[in-house]
Structures are given as C-alpha cells and as structure tokens.
C-alpha cells in the first residue's frame, strides 16, 4: 500500500495551523507542523515531504527566503499562505518557484483542493519522466530503473549496463560495446568486468521478479557474442 502524502505546514499562528492540519488530515493526508522557517529546508532535505504550505510572515525568516533556499536543492511543491494580497508579492512568490499562492482569510476546503491539485500535477510530471520498455521503466534524468514495478538498487555500473541493454532491447551487444559505453572512463577494466556485473545485475532482477533470486531473468547470454535483454522477460 502506497504511503499517504505528507504535507509540511510552516505557520506561526497555532489557530491557522490547527485548522489547516485538521482539513488536510480529514482528506487522508499526513501533516507535519513547524513554527519557524529555518526548520523547513533541513526537514525537506531529509526526505518524505510531498508538499509545503508556507506562511510568508514567519518569525525568524520570510517564507520567500525559505522558498529560495528550498529551490537550491528541491522541486517539492510549495503553496504560499499569506495575508499579503498585493500583486507584487504574488508575482515575487511565483518567480521564486512557488506553485500557488493562497491569501488569508481562506477556505480550508479550497486550500485542500489546491494541495490535491498540486500533488496530482507532481505525480503526472514524475510519471512522464519514466519511459516504459516492456517490463522495465527507465528514468534517465533520475538515473533510476524499475523492473516489474520494483525500483532496483543499482550501482553506477549496473545502472549503465542495464541502460545500455535497454537502449536496444533484443539486440546482442558485445562485451567491447558494453565496455566502451559503460566503462569508458575506467582505466583498469576487462571483459571479465562485464561478466561480473552481469552476474550481480541478474541476481537483482531475479529478486525483483519473484523475491527469491530464482528464475532465468531477462538478460540472455550469447556465447562468443555478448548479451541481450528481453525487455518483456
């Protein structure tokens, strides 16, 4: 079962924070609340935050500064929550990378609807990054590969090897071709390097497929020629 999205609220007025948190939790969302802006970036960097509801007028720093800090390392959706209704403030917030701007007083139901909309858009963008190739899904920008719905825990060279095979499903790639593509910057590598990484990669694919490391797996050996990938295997 997928984990419920977690929303971080940065708001120093307890009554507003409690109202927002209640509305979000009523919609099945998890909530974390911080009073100070300085706590936001470290928490987002730690992972597990799906969206930030960010008050502009925090005691220690402005929400604009918090958003600016977030955008140096994260594309987590940000919704500003503020009493500032001036067009200049809205424009500034959006230019800093915020995704939406809600002015106080506000409807909790409307805020929840905006949160839901941003989460859906985030999921659509994330899904668009994945290219489906048979039983595999490839995210080249994120250097990630899923097999049969399971995210593979790959080393740098395992990822490069599998990506090379996925680039031409069914085609036989020689060890030399794979070496040139994956180990071009490695000074001391041999054909055996390819074989060793194929072995570890096969083990991970088999575990992802059936959980016990058994089965043939999608990588095929062509003796004297090289390897190919059955993307549907």
C-alpha atoms as a PDB file:
ATOM      1  CA  UNK A   1       0.000   0.000   0.000  1.00  0.00           C
ATOM      2  CA  UNK A   2       1.366   3.410  -1.007  1.00  0.00           C
ATOM      3  CA  UNK A   3       2.193   5.750   1.849  1.00  0.00           C
ATOM      4  CA  UNK A   4      -0.093   8.741   2.284  1.00  0.00           C
ATOM      5  CA  UNK A   5       1.406  12.047   1.080  1.00  0.00           C
ATOM      6  CA  UNK A   6       2.989  14.141   3.826  1.00  0.00           C
ATOM      7  CA  UNK A   7       2.346  17.887   3.919  1.00  0.00           C
ATOM      8  CA  UNK A   8       4.672  20.201   5.839  1.00  0.00           C
ATOM      9  CA  UNK A   9       2.970  23.305   7.273  1.00  0.00           C
ATOM     10  CA  UNK A  10       5.192  26.248   8.229  1.00  0.00           C
ATOM     11  CA  UNK A  11       2.879  28.609  10.108  1.00  0.00           C
ATOM     12  CA  UNK A  12       3.413  30.502  13.379  1.00  0.00           C
ATOM     13  CA  UNK A  13      -0.268  31.125  14.178  1.00  0.00           C
ATOM     14  CA  UNK A  14      -1.495  27.998  16.038  1.00  0.00           C
ATOM     15  CA  UNK A  15      -5.173  28.533  15.193  1.00  0.00           C
ATOM     16  CA  UNK A  16      -4.443  28.688  11.453  1.00  0.00           C
ATOM     17  CA  UNK A  17      -2.007  25.772  11.592  1.00  0.00           C
ATOM     18  CA  UNK A  18      -4.511  23.625  13.503  1.00  0.00           C
ATOM     19  CA  UNK A  19      -7.300  24.445  11.033  1.00  0.00           C
ATOM     20  CA  UNK A  20      -5.154  23.602   8.027  1.00  0.00           C
ATOM     21  CA  UNK A  21      -3.799  20.432   9.628  1.00  0.00           C
ATOM     22  CA  UNK A  22      -7.310  19.241  10.524  1.00  0.00           C
ATOM     23  CA  UNK A  23      -8.589  19.838   6.987  1.00  0.00           C
ATOM     24  CA  UNK A  24      -5.627  18.012   5.438  1.00  0.00           C
ATOM     25  CA  UNK A  25      -5.841  15.045   7.804  1.00  0.00           C
ATOM     26  CA  UNK A  26      -9.580  14.769   7.126  1.00  0.00           C
ATOM     27  CA  UNK A  27      -8.637  14.188   3.485  1.00  0.00           C
ATOM     28  CA  UNK A  28      -6.263  11.363   4.363  1.00  0.00           C
ATOM     29  CA  UNK A  29      -3.041  13.384   4.233  1.00  0.00           C
ATOM     30  CA  UNK A  30      -0.259  13.217   6.811  1.00  0.00           C
ATOM     31  CA  UNK A  31       0.822  16.537   8.331  1.00  0.00           C
ATOM     32  CA  UNK A  32       3.933  17.921   9.998  1.00  0.00           C
ATOM     33  CA  UNK A  33       3.930  21.424  11.512  1.00  0.00           C
ATOM     34  CA  UNK A  34       6.811  23.820  12.119  1.00  0.00           C
ATOM     35  CA  UNK A  35       6.664  27.274  13.680  1.00  0.00           C
ATOM     36  CA  UNK A  36       9.956  28.554  12.219  1.00  0.00           C
ATOM     37  CA  UNK A  37      11.131  28.838   8.641  1.00  0.00           C
ATOM     38  CA  UNK A  38      14.632  27.688   9.481  1.00  0.00           C
ATOM     39  CA  UNK A  39      13.373  24.176  10.184  1.00  0.00           C
ATOM     40  CA  UNK A  40      11.793  23.719   6.756  1.00  0.00           C
ATOM     41  CA  UNK A  41      14.781  23.176   4.465  1.00  0.00           C
ATOM     42  CA  UNK A  42      16.522  20.611   6.727  1.00  0.00           C
ATOM     43  CA  UNK A  43      13.270  18.646   7.059  1.00  0.00           C
ATOM     44  CA  UNK A  44      12.629  18.661   3.297  1.00  0.00           C
ATOM     45  CA  UNK A  45      16.238  17.656   2.662  1.00  0.00           C
ATOM     46  CA  UNK A  46      15.758  14.658   4.957  1.00  0.00           C
ATOM     47  CA  UNK A  47      13.086  13.359   2.581  1.00  0.00           C
ATOM     48  CA  UNK A  48       9.493  12.228   2.814  1.00  0.00           C
ATOM     49  CA  UNK A  49       7.806  15.615   2.352  1.00  0.00           C
ATOM     50  CA  UNK A  50       5.449  15.801  -0.631  1.00  0.00           C
ATOM     51  CA  UNK A  51       4.311  19.440  -0.425  1.00  0.00           C
ATOM     52  CA  UNK A  52       4.978  22.533   1.706  1.00  0.00           C
ATOM     53  CA  UNK A  53       2.317  25.005   2.847  1.00  0.00           C
ATOM     54  CA  UNK A  54       4.426  28.013   3.676  1.00  0.00           C
ATOM     55  CA  UNK A  55       3.431  31.189   5.532  1.00  0.00           C
ATOM     56  CA  UNK A  56       5.221  34.262   4.209  1.00  0.00           C
ATOM     57  CA  UNK A  57       5.401  36.052   7.580  1.00  0.00           C
ATOM     58  CA  UNK A  58       7.323  33.632   9.779  1.00  0.00           C
ATOM     59  CA  UNK A  59       9.080  34.887  12.948  1.00  0.00           C
ATOM     60  CA  UNK A  60      12.668  34.023  12.022  1.00  0.00           C
ATOM     61  CA  UNK A  61      12.734  34.486   8.237  1.00  0.00           C
ATOM     62  CA  UNK A  62      10.329  35.219   5.416  1.00  0.00           C
ATOM     63  CA  UNK A  63       8.611  32.454   3.513  1.00  0.00           C
ATOM     64  CA  UNK A  64      10.216  33.933   0.404  1.00  0.00           C
ATOM     65  CA  UNK A  65      13.649  33.184   1.855  1.00  0.00           C
ATOM     66  CA  UNK A  66      12.556  29.683   2.814  1.00  0.00           C
ATOM     67  CA  UNK A  67      11.311  29.028  -0.709  1.00  0.00           C
ATOM     68  CA  UNK A  68      14.517  30.415  -2.182  1.00  0.00           C
ATOM     69  CA  UNK A  69      16.512  28.001  -0.010  1.00  0.00           C
ATOM     70  CA  UNK A  70      14.324  25.050  -0.982  1.00  0.00           C
ATOM     71  CA  UNK A  71      14.746  25.705  -4.674  1.00  0.00           C
ATOM     72  CA  UNK A  72      18.510  25.289  -4.398  1.00  0.00           C
ATOM     73  CA  UNK A  73      18.051  21.532  -3.885  1.00  0.00           C
ATOM     74  CA  UNK A  74      14.385  20.507  -4.182  1.00  0.00           C
ATOM     75  CA  UNK A  75      11.412  20.820  -6.524  1.00  0.00           C
ATOM     76  CA  UNK A  76       8.895  19.959  -3.791  1.00  0.00           C
ATOM     77  CA  UNK A  77       5.623  21.833  -4.486  1.00  0.00           C
ATOM     78  CA  UNK A  78       5.209  24.990  -2.385  1.00  0.00           C
ATOM     79  CA  UNK A  79       1.948  26.807  -1.659  1.00  0.00           C
ATOM     80  CA  UNK A  80       2.328  30.211  -0.014  1.00  0.00           C
ATOM     81  CA  UNK A  81      -0.203  31.023   2.701  1.00  0.00           C
ATOM     82  CA  UNK A  82      -0.164  34.725   3.480  1.00  0.00           C
ATOM     83  CA  UNK A  83      -2.028  37.864   4.446  1.00  0.00           C
ATOM     84  CA  UNK A  84      -0.217  39.750   1.689  1.00  0.00           C
ATOM     85  CA  UNK A  85      -2.608  40.207  -1.221  1.00  0.00           C
ATOM     86  CA  UNK A  86      -0.560  42.658  -3.279  1.00  0.00           C
ATOM     87  CA  UNK A  87       0.135  41.593  -6.851  1.00  0.00           C
ATOM     88  CA  UNK A  88       3.843  42.316  -6.393  1.00  0.00           C
ATOM     89  CA  UNK A  89       4.048  39.782  -3.527  1.00  0.00           C
ATOM     90  CA  UNK A  90       2.222  37.128  -5.557  1.00  0.00           C
ATOM     91  CA  UNK A  91       4.495  37.666  -8.526  1.00  0.00           C
ATOM     92  CA  UNK A  92       7.595  37.516  -6.318  1.00  0.00           C
ATOM     93  CA  UNK A  93       6.453  34.285  -4.714  1.00  0.00           C
ATOM     94  CA  UNK A  94       5.779  32.620  -8.062  1.00  0.00           C
ATOM     95  CA  UNK A  95       9.066  33.853  -9.512  1.00  0.00           C
ATOM     96  CA  UNK A  96      10.896  32.294  -6.576  1.00  0.00           C
ATOM     97  CA  UNK A  97       9.468  28.931  -7.562  1.00  0.00           C
ATOM     98  CA  UNK A  98       6.255  28.657  -5.559  1.00  0.00           C
ATOM     99  CA  UNK A  99       3.459  26.670  -7.187  1.00  0.00           C
ATOM    100  CA  UNK A 100       0.463  28.522  -5.744  1.00  0.00           C
ATOM    101  CA  UNK A 101      -0.484  31.480  -3.561  1.00  0.00           C
ATOM    102  CA  UNK A 102      -3.428  31.489  -1.086  1.00  0.00           C
ATOM    103  CA  UNK A 103      -4.396  34.735   0.646  1.00  0.00           C
ATOM    104  CA  UNK A 104      -5.747  34.879   4.211  1.00  0.00           C
ATOM    105  CA  UNK A 105      -8.560  34.615   5.157  1.00  0.00           C
ATOM    106  CA  UNK A 106      -9.081  31.477   3.128  1.00  0.00           C
ATOM    107  CA  UNK A 107     -11.354  28.475   2.878  1.00  0.00           C
ATOM    108  CA  UNK A 108      -9.723  25.311   4.292  1.00  0.00           C
ATOM    109  CA  UNK A 109     -11.611  23.266   1.693  1.00  0.00           C
ATOM    110  CA  UNK A 110     -10.198  25.411  -1.100  1.00  0.00           C
ATOM    111  CA  UNK A 111      -6.684  25.044   0.296  1.00  0.00           C
ATOM    112  CA  UNK A 112      -7.073  21.259   0.446  1.00  0.00           C
ATOM    113  CA  UNK A 113      -8.328  21.280  -3.156  1.00  0.00           C
ATOM    114  CA  UNK A 114      -5.258  23.266  -4.215  1.00  0.00           C
ATOM    115  CA  UNK A 115      -2.980  20.851  -2.337  1.00  0.00           C
ATOM    116  CA  UNK A 116      -4.639  17.896  -4.067  1.00  0.00           C
ATOM    117  CA  UNK A 117      -4.288  19.577  -7.452  1.00  0.00           C
ATOM    118  CA  UNK A 118      -0.565  20.207  -6.921  1.00  0.00           C
ATOM    119  CA  UNK A 119       0.010  16.643  -5.773  1.00  0.00           C
ATOM    120  CA  UNK A 120      -1.737  15.317  -8.884  1.00  0.00           C
ATOM    121  CA  UNK A 121       0.347  17.560 -11.116  1.00  0.00           C
ATOM    122  CA  UNK A 122       3.532  16.455  -9.334  1.00  0.00           C
ATOM    123  CA  UNK A 123       2.597  12.810  -9.871  1.00  0.00           C
ATOM    124  CA  UNK A 124       1.839  13.424 -13.545  1.00  0.00           C
ATOM    125  CA  UNK A 125       5.195  15.129 -14.067  1.00  0.00           C
ATOM    126  CA  UNK A 126       7.013  12.328 -12.224  1.00  0.00           C
ATOM    127  CA  UNK A 127       5.236   9.684 -14.280  1.00  0.00           C
ATOM    128  CA  UNK A 128       6.131  11.486 -17.511  1.00  0.00           C
ATOM    129  CA  UNK A 129       9.815  11.081 -16.643  1.00  0.00           C
ATOM    130  CA  UNK A 130       9.513   7.311 -16.766  1.00  0.00           C
ATOM    131  CA  UNK A 131       9.843   5.575 -20.126  1.00  0.00           C
ATOM    132  CA  UNK A 132       8.225   2.152 -20.225  1.00  0.00           C
ATOM    133  CA  UNK A 133      10.196  -0.541 -22.061  1.00  0.00           C
ATOM    134  CA  UNK A 134       8.438  -3.869 -21.675  1.00  0.00           C
ATOM    135  CA  UNK A 135       8.576  -4.886 -18.016  1.00  0.00           C
ATOM    136  CA  UNK A 136      11.056  -2.061 -17.322  1.00  0.00           C
ATOM    137  CA  UNK A 137      10.600   1.643 -16.599  1.00  0.00           C
ATOM    138  CA  UNK A 138      13.540   3.984 -17.147  1.00  0.00           C
ATOM    139  CA  UNK A 139      14.071   7.462 -15.705  1.00  0.00           C
ATOM    140  CA  UNK A 140      17.230   8.707 -17.404  1.00  0.00           C
ATOM    141  CA  UNK A 141      17.226  12.094 -15.663  1.00  0.00           C
ATOM    142  CA  UNK A 142      16.927  10.464 -12.254  1.00  0.00           C
ATOM    143  CA  UNK A 143      19.250   7.540 -13.100  1.00  0.00           C
ATOM    144  CA  UNK A 144      16.586   5.090 -11.927  1.00  0.00           C
ATOM    145  CA  UNK A 145      15.189   1.854 -13.304  1.00  0.00           C
ATOM    146  CA  UNK A 146      12.144  -0.120 -12.208  1.00  0.00           C
ATOM    147  CA  UNK A 147      11.548  -3.762 -13.100  1.00  0.00           C
ATOM    148  CA  UNK A 148       8.073  -5.223 -12.757  1.00  0.00           C
ATOM    149  CA  UNK A 149       7.150  -2.249 -10.604  1.00  0.00           C
ATOM    150  CA  UNK A 150      10.130  -2.598  -8.251  1.00  0.00           C
ATOM    151  CA  UNK A 151      12.758   0.129  -8.030  1.00  0.00           C
ATOM    152  CA  UNK A 152      16.160  -1.500  -8.484  1.00  0.00           C
ATOM    153  CA  UNK A 153      19.006  -0.662  -6.103  1.00  0.00           C
ATOM    154  CA  UNK A 154      21.788  -0.362  -8.670  1.00  0.00           C
ATOM    155  CA  UNK A 155      25.411   0.677  -8.550  1.00  0.00           C
ATOM    156  CA  UNK A 156      26.707   3.172 -11.089  1.00  0.00           C
ATOM    157  CA  UNK A 157      27.991   0.476 -13.443  1.00  0.00           C
ATOM    158  CA  UNK A 158      24.967  -1.793 -13.020  1.00  0.00           C
ATOM    159  CA  UNK A 159      22.745   1.110 -13.987  1.00  0.00           C
ATOM    160  CA  UNK A 160      24.912   1.935 -17.015  1.00  0.00           C
ATOM    161  CA  UNK A 161      24.948  -1.689 -18.110  1.00  0.00           C
ATOM    162  CA  UNK A 162      21.191  -2.103 -17.861  1.00  0.00           C
ATOM    163  CA  UNK A 163      20.535   1.241 -19.544  1.00  0.00           C
ATOM    164  CA  UNK A 164      22.779   0.186 -22.448  1.00  0.00           C
ATOM    165  CA  UNK A 165      20.846  -3.048 -22.872  1.00  0.00           C
ATOM    166  CA  UNK A 166      17.516  -1.220 -22.593  1.00  0.00           C
ATOM    167  CA  UNK A 167      18.576   1.166 -25.363  1.00  0.00           C
ATOM    168  CA  UNK A 168      18.400  -1.766 -27.819  1.00  0.00           C
ATOM    169  CA  UNK A 169      16.088  -4.472 -26.480  1.00  0.00           C
ATOM    170  CA  UNK A 170      16.723  -7.835 -28.119  1.00  0.00           C
ATOM    171  CA  UNK A 171      19.941  -6.719 -29.808  1.00  0.00           C
ATOM    172  CA  UNK A 172      23.140  -8.584 -28.961  1.00  0.00           C
ATOM    173  CA  UNK A 173      25.769  -6.218 -27.565  1.00  0.00           C
ATOM    174  CA  UNK A 174      29.330  -7.449 -27.381  1.00  0.00           C
ATOM    175  CA  UNK A 175      31.454  -7.079 -24.283  1.00  0.00           C
ATOM    176  CA  UNK A 176      33.528  -4.499 -26.148  1.00  0.00           C
ATOM    177  CA  UNK A 177      30.453  -2.432 -26.958  1.00  0.00           C
ATOM    178  CA  UNK A 178      29.332  -2.553 -23.338  1.00  0.00           C
ATOM    179  CA  UNK A 179      32.830  -1.708 -22.096  1.00  0.00           C
ATOM    180  CA  UNK A 180      33.009   1.315 -24.409  1.00  0.00           C
ATOM    181  CA  UNK A 181      29.633   2.608 -23.284  1.00  0.00           C
ATOM    182  CA  UNK A 182      29.712   1.891 -19.562  1.00  0.00           C
ATOM    183  CA  UNK A 183      33.387   1.734 -18.567  1.00  0.00           C
ATOM    184  CA  UNK A 184      34.846   4.326 -20.950  1.00  0.00           C
ATOM    185  CA  UNK A 185      36.403   6.265 -18.047  1.00  0.00           C
ATOM    186  CA  UNK A 186      37.700   3.218 -16.167  1.00  0.00           C
ATOM    187  CA  UNK A 187      41.412   2.650 -16.696  1.00  0.00           C
ATOM    188  CA  UNK A 188      41.691  -0.933 -15.436  1.00  0.00           C
ATOM    189  CA  UNK A 189      38.706  -2.882 -16.724  1.00  0.00           C
ATOM    190  CA  UNK A 190      38.497  -6.112 -18.688  1.00  0.00           C
ATOM    191  CA  UNK A 191      35.867  -8.257 -20.346  1.00  0.00           C
ATOM    192  CA  UNK A 192      35.512 -10.072 -17.041  1.00  0.00           C
ATOM    193  CA  UNK A 193      34.289  -6.812 -15.550  1.00  0.00           C
ATOM    194  CA  UNK A 194      31.219  -7.014 -17.778  1.00  0.00           C
ATOM    195  CA  UNK A 195      30.592 -10.640 -16.814  1.00  0.00           C
ATOM    196  CA  UNK A 196      30.867  -9.866 -13.096  1.00  0.00           C
ATOM    197  CA  UNK A 197      28.392  -7.011 -13.291  1.00  0.00           C
ATOM    198  CA  UNK A 198      26.015  -9.057 -15.441  1.00  0.00           C
ATOM    199  CA  UNK A 199      26.006 -11.676 -12.674  1.00  0.00           C
ATOM    200  CA  UNK A 200      25.132  -9.193  -9.918  1.00  0.00           C
ATOM    201  CA  UNK A 201      22.588  -7.459 -12.134  1.00  0.00           C
ATOM    202  CA  UNK A 202      20.870 -10.752 -12.920  1.00  0.00           C
ATOM    203  CA  UNK A 203      20.585 -11.521  -9.221  1.00  0.00           C
ATOM    204  CA  UNK A 204      18.890  -8.192  -8.523  1.00  0.00           C
ATOM    205  CA  UNK A 205      16.494  -8.605 -11.438  1.00  0.00           C
ATOM    206  CA  UNK A 206      15.521 -12.103 -10.327  1.00  0.00           C
ATOM    207  CA  UNK A 207      14.826 -10.945  -6.791  1.00  0.00           C
ATOM    208  CA  UNK A 208      12.702  -8.068  -8.132  1.00  0.00           C
ATOM    209  CA  UNK A 209      10.788 -10.518 -10.329  1.00  0.00           C
ATOM    210  CA  UNK A 210       9.915 -13.200  -7.809  1.00  0.00           C
ATOM    211  CA  UNK A 211      11.516 -12.341  -4.495  1.00  0.00           C
ATOM    212  CA  UNK A 212      13.717 -15.413  -4.086  1.00  0.00           C
ATOM    213  CA  UNK A 213      16.508 -14.988  -6.629  1.00  0.00           C
ATOM    214  CA  UNK A 214      15.311 -17.888  -8.795  1.00  0.00           C
ATOM    215  CA  UNK A 215      14.241 -17.955 -12.429  1.00  0.00           C
ATOM    216  CA  UNK A 216      16.041 -17.235 -15.667  1.00  0.00           C
ATOM    217  CA  UNK A 217      15.773 -13.466 -15.717  1.00  0.00           C
ATOM    218  CA  UNK A 218      15.604 -11.147 -18.739  1.00  0.00           C
ATOM    219  CA  UNK A 219      19.329 -10.966 -19.605  1.00  0.00           C
ATOM    220  CA  UNK A 220      20.352 -13.503 -22.234  1.00  0.00           C
ATOM    221  CA  UNK A 221      23.884 -14.790 -22.830  1.00  0.00           C
ATOM    222  CA  UNK A 222      25.025 -15.348 -26.422  1.00  0.00           C
ATOM    223  CA  UNK A 223      28.217 -17.356 -26.185  1.00  0.00           C
ATOM    224  CA  UNK A 224      31.079 -15.854 -28.115  1.00  0.00           C
ATOM    225  CA  UNK A 225      28.967 -12.796 -28.960  1.00  0.00           C
ATOM    226  CA  UNK A 226      27.755 -10.945 -25.856  1.00  0.00           C
ATOM    227  CA  UNK A 227      24.490 -10.202 -24.099  1.00  0.00           C
ATOM    228  CA  UNK A 228      20.967  -9.117 -24.964  1.00  0.00           C
ATOM    229  CA  UNK A 229      17.925  -8.087 -22.968  1.00  0.00           C
ATOM    230  CA  UNK A 230      14.420  -9.492 -23.277  1.00  0.00           C
ATOM    231  CA  UNK A 231      12.578  -6.401 -22.064  1.00  0.00           C
ATOM    232  CA  UNK A 232       9.370  -8.387 -21.577  1.00  0.00           C
ATOM    233  CA  UNK A 233      11.113 -11.210 -19.731  1.00  0.00           C
END
